[in-house]
Amino acid sequence: MFVRKYLCACRREAKIAELIMSVTVYEDLLTKVDRGRQFYDKLEAKVKHLLERSHRVCHAEQEERSRIRERLAPKGIC
């Protein structure tokens, strides 16, 4: 009888330890997920900024090419 109670107590203690460990692992996972979300939020902001900047540069270069074409186009052809 004593052995059975001892084994039950051991199983119960092992289960409790397992549950405590799973809470710790879960909290660690939540922390890592939050860090990952922050990383991708920052990355998205940087990519948006880079995209806007590249659009501005392309637009400026296109305007410059248009000015050059107008300057070099033959004038007075009717």
C-alpha atoms as a PDB file:
ATOM      1  CA  MET A   1       0.000   0.000   0.000  1.00  0.00           C
ATOM      2  CA  PHE A   2       2.795   2.387   0.913  1.00  0.00           C
ATOM      3  CA  VAL A   3       4.594   1.648  -2.355  1.00  0.00           C
ATOM      4  CA  ARG A   4       1.467   2.467  -4.361  1.00  0.00           C
ATOM      5  CA  LYS A   5       1.030   5.818  -2.569  1.00  0.00           C
ATOM      6  CA  TYR A   6       4.699   6.565  -3.104  1.00  0.00           C
ATOM      7  CA  LEU A   7       4.436   5.807  -6.832  1.00  0.00           C
ATOM      8  CA  CYS A   8       1.306   7.947  -7.151  1.00  0.00           C
ATOM      9  CA  ALA A   9       3.054  10.797  -5.357  1.00  0.00           C
ATOM     10  CA  CYS A  10       6.074  10.429  -7.627  1.00  0.00           C
ATOM     11  CA  ARG A  11       3.888  10.477 -10.736  1.00  0.00           C
ATOM     12  CA  ARG A  12       2.000  13.479  -9.441  1.00  0.00           C
ATOM     13  CA  GLU A  13       5.246  15.349  -8.700  1.00  0.00           C
ATOM     14  CA  ALA A  14       6.597  14.456 -12.132  1.00  0.00           C
ATOM     15  CA  LYS A  15       3.388  15.698 -13.773  1.00  0.00           C
ATOM     16  CA  ILE A  16       3.524  18.959 -11.800  1.00  0.00           C
ATOM     17  CA  ALA A  17       7.163  19.472 -12.783  1.00  0.00           C
ATOM     18  CA  GLU A  18       6.229  18.784 -16.409  1.00  0.00           C
ATOM     19  CA  LEU A  19       3.411  21.348 -16.268  1.00  0.00           C
ATOM     20  CA  ILE A  20       5.689  23.952 -14.701  1.00  0.00           C
ATOM     21  CA  MET A  21       8.276  23.318 -17.415  1.00  0.00           C
ATOM     22  CA  SER A  22       5.636  23.642 -20.130  1.00  0.00           C
ATOM     23  CA  VAL A  23       4.582  27.047 -18.732  1.00  0.00           C
ATOM     24  CA  THR A  24       8.210  28.176 -18.799  1.00  0.00           C
ATOM     25  CA  VAL A  25       8.637  26.971 -22.370  1.00  0.00           C
ATOM     26  CA  TYR A  26       5.357  28.648 -23.377  1.00  0.00           C
ATOM     27  CA  GLU A  27       6.435  31.983 -21.874  1.00  0.00           C
ATOM     28  CA  ASP A  28       9.784  31.692 -23.662  1.00  0.00           C
ATOM     29  CA  LEU A  29       7.956  30.985 -26.911  1.00  0.00           C
ATOM     30  CA  LEU A  30       5.746  34.056 -26.442  1.00  0.00           C
ATOM     31  CA  THR A  31       8.830  36.205 -25.849  1.00  0.00           C
ATOM     32  CA  LYS A  32      10.490  34.903 -28.999  1.00  0.00           C
ATOM     33  CA  VAL A  33       7.315  35.405 -31.034  1.00  0.00           C
ATOM     34  CA  ASP A  34       7.119  39.006 -29.824  1.00  0.00           C
ATOM     35  CA  ARG A  35      10.759  39.624 -30.752  1.00  0.00           C
ATOM     36  CA  GLY A  36      10.143  38.113 -34.176  1.00  0.00           C
ATOM     37  CA  ARG A  37       7.083  40.307 -34.704  1.00  0.00           C
ATOM     38  CA  GLN A  38       9.088  43.398 -33.719  1.00  0.00           C
ATOM     39  CA  PHE A  39      11.863  42.384 -36.129  1.00  0.00           C
ATOM     40  CA  TYR A  40       9.460  41.989 -39.038  1.00  0.00           C
ATOM     41  CA  ASP A  41       7.666  45.248 -38.170  1.00  0.00           C
ATOM     42  CA  LYS A  42      10.998  47.092 -38.320  1.00  0.00           C
ATOM     43  CA  LEU A  43      11.942  45.278 -41.514  1.00  0.00           C
ATOM     44  CA  GLU A  44       8.619  46.206 -43.118  1.00  0.00           C
ATOM     45  CA  ALA A  45       9.126  49.871 -42.206  1.00  0.00           C
ATOM     46  CA  LYS A  46      12.631  49.841 -43.703  1.00  0.00           C
ATOM     47  CA  VAL A  47      11.414  48.168 -46.891  1.00  0.00           C
ATOM     48  CA  LYS A  48       8.572  50.692 -47.251  1.00  0.00           C
ATOM     49  CA  HIS A  49      11.043  53.537 -46.818  1.00  0.00           C
ATOM     50  CA  LEU A  50      13.385  52.007 -49.389  1.00  0.00           C
ATOM     51  CA  LEU A  51      10.507  51.508 -51.838  1.00  0.00           C
ATOM     52  CA  GLU A  52       9.389  55.136 -51.471  1.00  0.00           C
ATOM     53  CA  ARG A  53      12.951  56.328 -51.927  1.00  0.00           C
ATOM     54  CA  SER A  54      13.458  54.207 -55.038  1.00  0.00           C
ATOM     55  CA  HIS A  55      10.189  55.545 -56.511  1.00  0.00           C
ATOM     56  CA  ARG A  56      11.395  59.109 -55.933  1.00  0.00           C
ATOM     57  CA  VAL A  57      14.768  58.379 -57.543  1.00  0.00           C
ATOM     58  CA  CYS A  58      13.160  56.677 -60.551  1.00  0.00           C
ATOM     59  CA  HIS A  59      10.717  59.561 -60.969  1.00  0.00           C
ATOM     60  CA  ALA A  60      13.551  62.117 -60.799  1.00  0.00           C
ATOM     61  CA  GLU A  61      15.604  60.185 -63.351  1.00  0.00           C
ATOM     62  CA  GLN A  62      12.589  59.903 -65.651  1.00  0.00           C
ATOM     63  CA  GLU A  63      12.043  63.661 -65.459  1.00  0.00           C
ATOM     64  CA  GLU A  64      15.725  64.255 -66.211  1.00  0.00           C
ATOM     65  CA  ARG A  65      15.544  61.980 -69.259  1.00  0.00           C
ATOM     66  CA  SER A  66      12.457  63.837 -70.460  1.00  0.00           C
ATOM     67  CA  ARG A  67      14.242  67.181 -70.136  1.00  0.00           C
ATOM     68  CA  ILE A  68      17.239  65.827 -72.053  1.00  0.00           C
ATOM     69  CA  ARG A  69      14.975  64.471 -74.829  1.00  0.00           C
ATOM     70  CA  GLU A  70      13.198  67.824 -75.124  1.00  0.00           C
ATOM     71  CA  ARG A  71      16.514  69.660 -75.285  1.00  0.00           C
ATOM     72  CA  LEU A  72      17.951  67.320 -77.921  1.00  0.00           C
ATOM     73  CA  ALA A  73      14.772  66.994 -80.000  1.00  0.00           C
ATOM     74  CA  PRO A  74      14.920  68.664 -83.437  1.00  0.00           C
ATOM     75  CA  LYS A  75      13.142  71.996 -83.382  1.00  0.00           C
ATOM     76  CA  GLY A  76      11.108  73.660 -86.063  1.00  0.00           C
ATOM     77  CA  ILE A  77      10.013  70.570 -88.001  1.00  0.00           C
ATOM     78  CA  CYS A  78       6.582  71.163 -89.548  1.00  0.00           C
END
